[in-house]
Amino acid sequence: MSVLGQVADGAKSILKGLRVTLSYLFRKKVTLQYPEERPKLSERFRGVPALPIDPATGRDRCIACSACARVCPDQVITVTPEVGEDKKRRLADMTLDVAGCIFCGLCVEVCPTGALVLSDEFELAHSSREDLVLGLEKLHEIGGQFPEKTAETEESSGAQGEPQGTTPQAEAAKEPEA
């Protein structure tokens, strides 16, 4: 092949590549300026398990039955119960090792009171493994608060004490910013 033929083939290849580039130039942009812009997560996203606070009582709904710890396939949940003054068992402490969690959601499904929810938390980068062991305070912080229920939503849900299918973060994300 002559030099002129090689130059023509090279020009043809460059124009093919530029055609693809130019086709994307006028399309809608899909890049997010993270962390200023947050990605929209699916409703069924399974993030870190969390313990939201019940606004009616000011506490979490956990009764320290340890069902979540027993059902966890990786045994990353530790529940420490305490007996209160009213002779009822309460949650004294809970730890969750996120480094070993497989985000299967079994702990949420087995919880009889709906105390555990899967949050929208997906930023799990930390500088040490110890930072991935979440205590009770951090689980409350990630969980936020359960949305307040009205009498209509309690009747329509059919199950008392369970969240309405979305996490508190998802509810907050739906509210328009002022």
Protein backbone atom coordinates (compact mmCIF):
# COMPACT_ATOMS: atom_id res chain seq x y z
CA MET A 1 0.00 0.00 0.00
CA SER A 2 1.31 3.42 -0.87
CA VAL A 3 1.93 6.23 1.55
CA LEU A 4 -1.06 8.10 0.17
CA GLY A 5 -3.32 5.08 0.85
CA GLN A 6 -2.05 4.85 4.44
CA VAL A 7 -2.75 8.55 5.00
CA ALA A 8 -6.28 8.08 3.60
CA ASP A 9 -6.90 5.08 5.90
CA GLY A 10 -5.62 7.07 8.89
CA ALA A 11 -7.88 10.03 8.07
CA LYS A 12 -10.82 7.66 7.69
CA SER A 13 -10.13 6.13 11.13
CA ILE A 14 -9.86 9.55 12.77
CA LEU A 15 -13.15 10.68 11.21
CA LYS A 16 -14.88 7.50 12.48
CA GLY A 17 -13.73 8.26 16.02
CA LEU A 18 -14.71 11.90 15.78
CA ARG A 19 -18.16 10.91 14.51
CA VAL A 20 -18.78 8.99 17.77
CA THR A 21 -17.45 11.91 19.82
CA LEU A 22 -19.63 14.42 17.99
CA SER A 23 -22.72 12.23 18.41
CA TYR A 24 -22.31 12.47 22.20
CA LEU A 25 -21.64 16.21 22.11
CA PHE A 26 -25.32 17.13 21.68
CA ARG A 27 -26.88 14.48 23.95
CA LYS A 28 -28.14 15.11 27.46
CA LYS A 29 -25.32 15.04 30.02
CA VAL A 30 -25.33 12.12 32.46
CA THR A 31 -22.35 13.08 34.62
CA LEU A 32 -23.09 13.98 38.25
CA GLN A 33 -20.90 16.48 40.08
CA TYR A 34 -20.53 14.22 43.10
CA PRO A 35 -20.70 14.96 46.07
CA GLU A 36 -22.62 18.18 45.36
CA GLU A 37 -25.15 16.24 43.27
CA ARG A 38 -26.41 13.01 44.78
CA PRO A 39 -27.37 10.01 42.66
CA LYS A 40 -31.01 8.93 42.65
CA LEU A 41 -31.16 5.51 44.24
CA SER A 42 -33.73 2.86 43.51
CA GLU A 43 -36.55 2.42 46.04
CA ARG A 44 -35.31 -1.13 46.57
CA PHE A 45 -31.69 -0.08 47.25
CA ARG A 46 -30.17 -2.03 50.12
CA GLY A 47 -27.77 0.15 52.08
CA VAL A 48 -26.44 -0.11 55.61
CA PRO A 49 -28.95 -1.48 58.15
CA ALA A 50 -29.93 1.28 60.58
CA LEU A 51 -32.08 1.92 63.67
CA PRO A 52 -34.37 4.92 63.16
CA ILE A 53 -35.85 6.71 66.16
CA ASP A 54 -39.61 6.48 66.71
CA PRO A 55 -40.88 10.08 67.05
CA ALA A 56 -43.73 8.96 69.32
CA THR A 57 -41.43 7.54 72.01
CA GLY A 58 -38.09 9.20 71.29
CA ARG A 59 -36.39 5.77 71.28
CA ASP A 60 -35.79 3.10 68.71
CA ARG A 61 -38.35 0.31 68.38
CA CYS A 62 -35.88 -2.50 69.13
CA ILE A 63 -36.95 -4.92 71.88
CA ALA A 64 -33.53 -6.67 71.94
CA CYS A 65 -34.93 -10.02 70.85
CA SER A 66 -31.67 -10.75 68.93
CA ALA A 67 -33.56 -12.21 65.98
CA CYS A 68 -31.46 -10.08 63.64
CA ALA A 69 -28.23 -11.38 65.14
CA ARG A 70 -29.39 -15.00 64.90
CA VAL A 71 -30.53 -14.78 61.27
CA CYS A 72 -27.46 -12.90 59.99
CA PRO A 73 -25.49 -15.29 57.75
CA ASP A 74 -22.20 -13.55 58.49
CA GLN A 75 -22.87 -12.99 62.22
CA VAL A 76 -21.91 -9.31 62.05
CA ILE A 77 -24.67 -8.05 64.39
CA THR A 78 -24.24 -8.05 68.16
CA VAL A 79 -27.18 -7.17 70.40
CA THR A 80 -26.78 -6.41 74.11
CA PRO A 81 -30.09 -6.31 76.01
CA GLU A 82 -30.90 -4.68 79.33
CA VAL A 83 -33.93 -4.94 81.61
CA GLY A 84 -35.58 -1.61 82.30
CA GLU A 85 -37.38 -0.40 85.41
CA ASP A 86 -40.67 -1.61 83.95
CA LYS A 87 -39.21 -5.17 83.73
CA LYS A 88 -39.18 -5.03 79.93
CA ARG A 89 -36.16 -5.91 77.85
CA ARG A 90 -34.61 -3.00 75.96
CA LEU A 91 -31.66 -2.47 73.71
CA ALA A 92 -28.57 -1.46 75.67
CA ASP A 93 -26.10 -1.66 72.81
CA MET A 94 -25.89 -2.90 69.26
CA THR A 95 -22.91 -3.19 66.96
CA LEU A 96 -22.84 -3.89 63.25
CA ASP A 97 -19.63 -4.75 61.40
CA VAL A 98 -20.32 -3.26 57.97
CA ALA A 99 -17.07 -4.71 56.58
CA GLY A 100 -18.57 -8.19 56.77
CA CYS A 101 -22.19 -7.33 55.98
CA ILE A 102 -23.50 -8.66 52.67
CA PHE A 103 -26.56 -6.35 52.70
CA CYS A 104 -28.94 -9.26 52.23
CA GLY A 105 -31.75 -7.66 54.26
CA LEU A 106 -32.56 -10.76 56.32
CA CYS A 107 -32.14 -8.81 59.56
CA VAL A 108 -34.76 -6.30 58.40
CA GLU A 109 -37.19 -9.00 57.31
CA VAL A 110 -37.01 -10.94 60.58
CA CYS A 111 -37.36 -7.92 62.90
CA PRO A 112 -40.76 -8.31 64.64
CA THR A 113 -41.13 -4.60 65.44
CA GLY A 114 -39.77 -3.14 62.21
CA ALA A 115 -36.96 -1.48 64.16
CA LEU A 116 -34.27 -2.20 61.57
CA VAL A 117 -34.42 -0.61 58.12
CA LEU A 118 -32.06 -0.64 55.17
CA SER A 119 -30.88 2.93 54.77
CA ASP A 120 -29.81 4.83 51.67
CA GLU A 121 -26.25 5.05 53.00
CA PHE A 122 -23.82 3.87 50.32
CA GLU A 123 -20.65 5.80 51.13
CA LEU A 124 -18.66 3.19 52.99
CA ALA A 125 -15.08 4.29 52.34
CA HIS A 126 -13.07 4.56 55.57
CA SER A 127 -9.41 4.64 56.42
CA SER A 128 -9.54 1.77 58.92
CA ARG A 129 -11.60 -1.34 59.55
CA GLU A 130 -12.48 -0.11 63.05
CA ASP A 131 -14.44 2.74 61.47
CA LEU A 132 -16.68 0.14 59.79
CA VAL A 133 -17.89 -1.22 63.14
CA LEU A 134 -20.99 0.88 63.83
CA GLY A 135 -22.26 1.34 67.36
CA LEU A 136 -25.73 2.22 68.56
CA GLU A 137 -25.25 5.99 68.20
CA LYS A 138 -24.02 5.70 64.62
CA LEU A 139 -26.90 3.33 63.73
CA HIS A 140 -29.34 5.92 65.11
CA GLU A 141 -27.59 8.69 63.17
CA ILE A 142 -27.77 6.78 59.88
CA GLY A 143 -31.40 5.76 60.52
CA GLY A 144 -32.72 9.22 61.32
CA GLN A 145 -36.40 9.13 62.33
CA PHE A 146 -39.37 7.09 61.22
CA PRO A 147 -41.87 9.23 59.35
CA GLU A 148 -44.78 10.35 61.51
CA LYS A 149 -47.88 8.25 60.82
CA THR A 150 -51.37 9.60 60.64
CA ALA A 151 -54.45 7.57 61.49
CA GLU A 152 -55.14 7.04 57.76
CA THR A 153 -51.72 5.52 57.02
CA GLU A 154 -51.90 3.19 60.03
CA GLU A 155 -55.27 1.87 58.86
CA SER A 156 -54.13 1.43 55.27
CA SER A 157 -50.83 -0.26 56.17
CA GLY A 158 -52.49 -3.07 58.11
CA ALA A 159 -49.35 -3.70 60.19
CA GLN A 160 -48.64 -1.47 63.13
CA GLY A 161 -45.08 -0.59 64.04
CA GLU A 162 -43.65 -1.19 60.58
CA PRO A 163 -42.28 1.46 58.25
CA GLN A 164 -44.21 2.31 55.10
CA GLY A 165 -41.71 0.62 52.78
CA THR A 166 -39.25 3.49 52.46
CA THR A 167 -36.42 4.57 54.68
CA PRO A 168 -36.43 7.90 56.50
CA GLN A 169 -33.72 9.16 54.12
CA ALA A 170 -35.92 8.33 51.12
CA GLU A 171 -38.81 10.24 52.70
CA ALA A 172 -36.55 13.24 53.31
CA ALA A 173 -35.26 13.11 49.74
CA LYS A 174 -38.81 13.30 48.36
CA GLU A 175 -39.57 16.52 50.21
CA PRO A 176 -38.90 19.62 48.07
CA GLU A 177 -36.13 21.90 49.27
CA ALA A 178 -37.05 25.46 50.17
